Protein backbone atom coordinates (compact mmCIF):
# COMPACT_ATOMS: atom_id res chain seq x y z
CA MET A 1 25.75 78.76 -25.16
CA PRO A 2 26.39 74.74 -25.21
CA ASN A 3 25.87 72.03 -23.28
CA PRO A 4 29.01 70.07 -20.73
CA LEU A 5 29.89 67.07 -22.75
CA GLU A 6 28.59 64.24 -21.86
CA PRO A 7 28.87 59.95 -23.03
CA TRP A 8 26.70 58.61 -25.24
CA LYS A 9 23.80 56.12 -23.16
CA THR A 10 24.30 52.41 -25.03
CA LEU A 11 20.53 51.01 -24.53
CA ARG A 12 21.20 47.78 -26.08
CA SER A 13 24.59 46.32 -28.98
CA GLU A 14 23.71 42.88 -31.01
CA LEU A 15 27.04 41.84 -33.28
CA VAL A 16 25.28 41.82 -36.46
CA PHE A 17 28.30 40.46 -37.94
CA ASN A 18 30.45 37.75 -36.69
CA HIS A 19 34.16 36.23 -38.45
CA LYS A 20 37.41 34.87 -36.65
CA TRP A 21 38.81 38.35 -38.16
CA TYR A 22 35.50 40.71 -38.12
CA GLN A 23 33.03 41.87 -35.74
CA LEU A 24 30.42 44.88 -36.12
CA ARG A 25 28.42 45.68 -33.64
CA ARG A 26 25.34 47.70 -33.99
CA ASP A 27 24.83 50.21 -30.70
CA HIS A 28 21.34 51.60 -29.68
CA VAL A 29 21.70 54.73 -28.22
CA ALA A 30 21.31 57.60 -26.58
CA LEU A 31 22.86 61.02 -27.01
CA PRO A 32 22.62 64.19 -24.79
CA GLY A 33 20.25 65.71 -25.94
CA GLY A 34 17.97 62.72 -26.04
CA GLN A 35 18.24 62.11 -29.37
CA VAL A 36 18.59 58.23 -30.47
CA LEU A 37 20.43 56.65 -32.87
CA ASP A 38 19.74 52.78 -32.97
CA ASP A 39 21.88 52.31 -35.97
CA TYR A 40 25.84 53.57 -34.66
CA PHE A 41 27.85 50.63 -35.87
CA VAL A 42 30.91 49.77 -34.38
CA SER A 43 34.22 47.58 -35.04
CA VAL A 44 35.07 45.63 -32.81
CA ARG A 45 39.07 45.03 -33.23
CA PRO A 46 41.55 43.75 -31.00
CA ASP A 47 44.36 46.16 -29.58
CA VAL A 48 47.48 45.96 -31.91
CA ALA A 49 51.51 46.48 -30.60
CA LEU A 50 53.51 48.61 -32.97
CA VAL A 51 57.60 47.85 -32.99
CA PHE A 52 60.23 50.18 -33.54
CA PRO A 53 63.06 48.74 -33.38
CA LEU A 54 66.39 50.27 -33.93
CA THR A 55 69.28 47.82 -33.90
CA ALA A 56 73.26 48.16 -31.96
CA ASP A 57 74.43 50.35 -35.26
CA ASN A 58 71.74 52.61 -36.00
CA GLN A 59 69.62 50.53 -38.35
CA VAL A 60 65.14 50.03 -37.79
CA VAL A 61 64.04 47.17 -38.70
CA PHE A 62 61.35 47.65 -41.56
CA VAL A 63 58.84 45.29 -43.17
CA ARG A 64 57.56 45.20 -46.31
CA GLN A 65 53.89 43.47 -47.65
CA TYR A 66 50.87 44.01 -49.53
CA LYS A 67 48.28 45.12 -47.53
CA HIS A 68 44.89 44.21 -49.77
CA ALA A 69 42.57 46.87 -48.75
CA ALA A 70 44.83 50.01 -50.16
CA GLY A 71 45.19 47.18 -52.58
CA GLN A 72 49.51 48.45 -52.60
CA ILE A 73 52.94 47.29 -51.03
CA LEU A 74 53.92 49.78 -47.51
CA LEU A 75 56.65 50.07 -45.63
CA GLU A 76 56.35 49.81 -41.85
CA LEU A 77 57.51 49.51 -38.86
CA PRO A 78 56.41 45.63 -37.79
CA GLY A 79 52.98 44.91 -35.04
CA GLY A 80 49.85 43.04 -34.92
CA VAL A 81 47.28 42.15 -32.72
CA VAL A 82 47.31 40.33 -29.52
CA ASP A 83 45.48 37.44 -30.10
CA ALA A 84 43.29 35.95 -27.43
CA GLY A 85 44.54 34.05 -24.92
CA GLU A 86 48.31 36.57 -24.96
CA THR A 87 49.13 37.88 -21.57
CA SER A 88 49.68 41.77 -22.96
CA LYS A 89 50.24 44.03 -25.27
CA LEU A 90 54.11 43.44 -24.46
CA ALA A 91 54.03 40.33 -25.05
CA ALA A 92 52.51 40.02 -28.71
CA ALA A 93 55.07 42.78 -29.42
CA HIS A 94 56.99 39.97 -29.11
CA ARG A 95 56.05 38.07 -30.82
CA GLU A 96 55.79 40.16 -33.57
CA LEU A 97 58.98 41.75 -34.31
CA ARG A 98 59.59 37.84 -34.27
CA GLU A 99 57.58 36.10 -36.20
CA GLU A 100 57.66 39.26 -38.63
CA THR A 101 61.43 39.67 -38.87
CA GLY A 102 63.47 37.36 -37.42
CA TYR A 103 64.04 39.81 -34.76
CA ALA A 104 64.13 40.74 -30.63
CA ALA A 105 65.32 42.71 -28.23
CA GLU A 106 65.40 41.90 -24.54
CA GLN A 107 63.39 45.43 -23.50
CA LEU A 108 60.45 47.41 -25.02
CA GLU A 109 60.14 51.07 -24.28
CA LEU A 110 56.25 51.69 -23.97
CA LEU A 111 56.24 55.18 -25.63
CA ALA A 112 52.11 55.67 -25.45
CA GLU A 113 49.31 53.64 -26.60
CA VAL A 114 46.73 55.64 -28.43
CA PHE A 115 43.28 54.99 -29.46
CA ASP A 116 43.38 54.07 -34.08
CA ASN A 117 39.84 55.26 -34.45
CA PRO A 118 37.86 56.00 -31.94
CA THR A 119 34.31 56.56 -33.94
CA LYS A 120 34.53 53.26 -35.22
CA ASP A 121 37.13 50.72 -33.88
CA THR A 122 37.33 49.61 -30.59
CA ASN A 123 40.85 48.93 -30.55
CA THR A 124 44.26 50.80 -29.28
CA ILE A 125 47.56 51.08 -30.06
CA ALA A 126 50.78 49.94 -27.78
CA TYR A 127 53.61 51.96 -29.79
CA PHE A 128 57.00 50.24 -28.10
CA LEU A 129 61.15 51.34 -29.13
CA ALA A 130 63.31 48.26 -28.56
CA ARG A 131 66.95 49.09 -28.80
CA ASP A 132 69.89 46.94 -29.60
CA VAL A 133 67.75 44.24 -31.64
CA ARG A 134 69.11 41.74 -32.74
CA ARG A 135 68.63 39.44 -35.78
CA VAL A 136 67.71 36.44 -33.58
CA ALA A 137 66.05 33.35 -36.49
CA GLU A 138 64.72 33.54 -39.65
CA GLN A 139 60.60 34.95 -40.40
CA ASP A 140 58.38 32.90 -38.54
CA LEU A 141 55.33 33.80 -40.91
CA ASP A 142 51.48 32.34 -41.59
CA GLU A 143 50.45 30.59 -45.08
CA THR A 144 48.81 34.15 -45.96
CA GLU A 145 52.34 36.03 -45.44
CA ASN A 146 54.83 37.71 -47.64
CA ILE A 147 56.99 40.26 -45.41
CA GLU A 148 60.35 41.46 -46.57
CA VAL A 149 62.73 42.80 -44.04
CA VAL A 150 64.25 45.87 -44.65
CA LEU A 151 66.63 48.12 -42.69
CA VAL A 152 67.16 51.74 -43.23
CA PRO A 153 69.56 54.01 -41.00
CA LEU A 154 67.96 55.95 -38.45
CA ALA A 155 69.27 59.14 -39.91
CA GLU A 156 67.75 58.96 -43.02
CA VAL A 157 63.75 58.02 -41.49
CA ALA A 158 62.39 61.24 -41.10
CA GLY A 159 63.50 61.78 -45.13
CA TYR A 160 61.03 58.41 -45.58
CA ILE A 161 58.32 60.10 -43.98
CA GLU A 162 58.23 63.35 -45.50
CA ARG A 163 58.60 61.02 -49.11
CA GLY A 164 55.61 59.80 -48.27
CA GLU A 165 57.09 56.04 -48.22
CA ILE A 166 56.05 55.70 -45.38
CA ARG A 167 52.60 56.34 -45.16
CA VAL A 168 50.49 53.15 -42.44
CA ALA A 169 48.95 55.45 -40.00
CA GLY A 170 50.42 53.54 -37.35
CA SER A 171 53.99 53.18 -38.46
CA VAL A 172 54.80 57.40 -39.05
CA ALA A 173 53.00 58.58 -35.27
CA LEU A 174 55.76 55.48 -33.50
CA CYS A 175 58.53 57.14 -36.35
CA LEU A 176 58.09 60.36 -34.97
CA LEU A 177 57.81 59.19 -31.53
CA ALA A 178 60.96 57.46 -31.17
CA LEU A 179 62.59 59.94 -32.97
CA ARG A 180 61.93 61.96 -30.50
CA ARG A 181 62.59 59.78 -28.08
CA LEU A 182 66.76 59.17 -29.11
CA GLY A 183 67.28 62.28 -30.09
CA ALA A 184 67.25 61.24 -33.10
């Protein structure tokens, strides 16, 4: 009969790479069966807020941008990291929506909060639904960003996913949650 599940015990941790854009931690852990691992590497990452922004006329506001690790230009929902000193994921969601798209919403509804990659990463992703978004400003991008705003009719979002036009995991998951919430 298998042993009951137990969390690993962290014996020691050390930050082996510390850069403003990336941190890597090396954990020394004891497994429930007694085995000790001295080289379990964990990416220490900030939490993320992602938004499904829907306009009053049922257009979903997406962003298209180059993603270097994938080496591709990808269509995804607006969002980004919760900045140091930011008070909440909700505040980050409002900020990212406005910065990346120029759109804003009065209220955002939290649909779910999930782990991104719990095997190797520390962060979570908060998924928000924003209804009746409206364009209120120009994009406010930093010098490394080049983001195209793309409006997709709500009725076509599922087809975009099925055809592989939306392929970023967090965006796919949030789209499916939002479509279900909206009954679309």
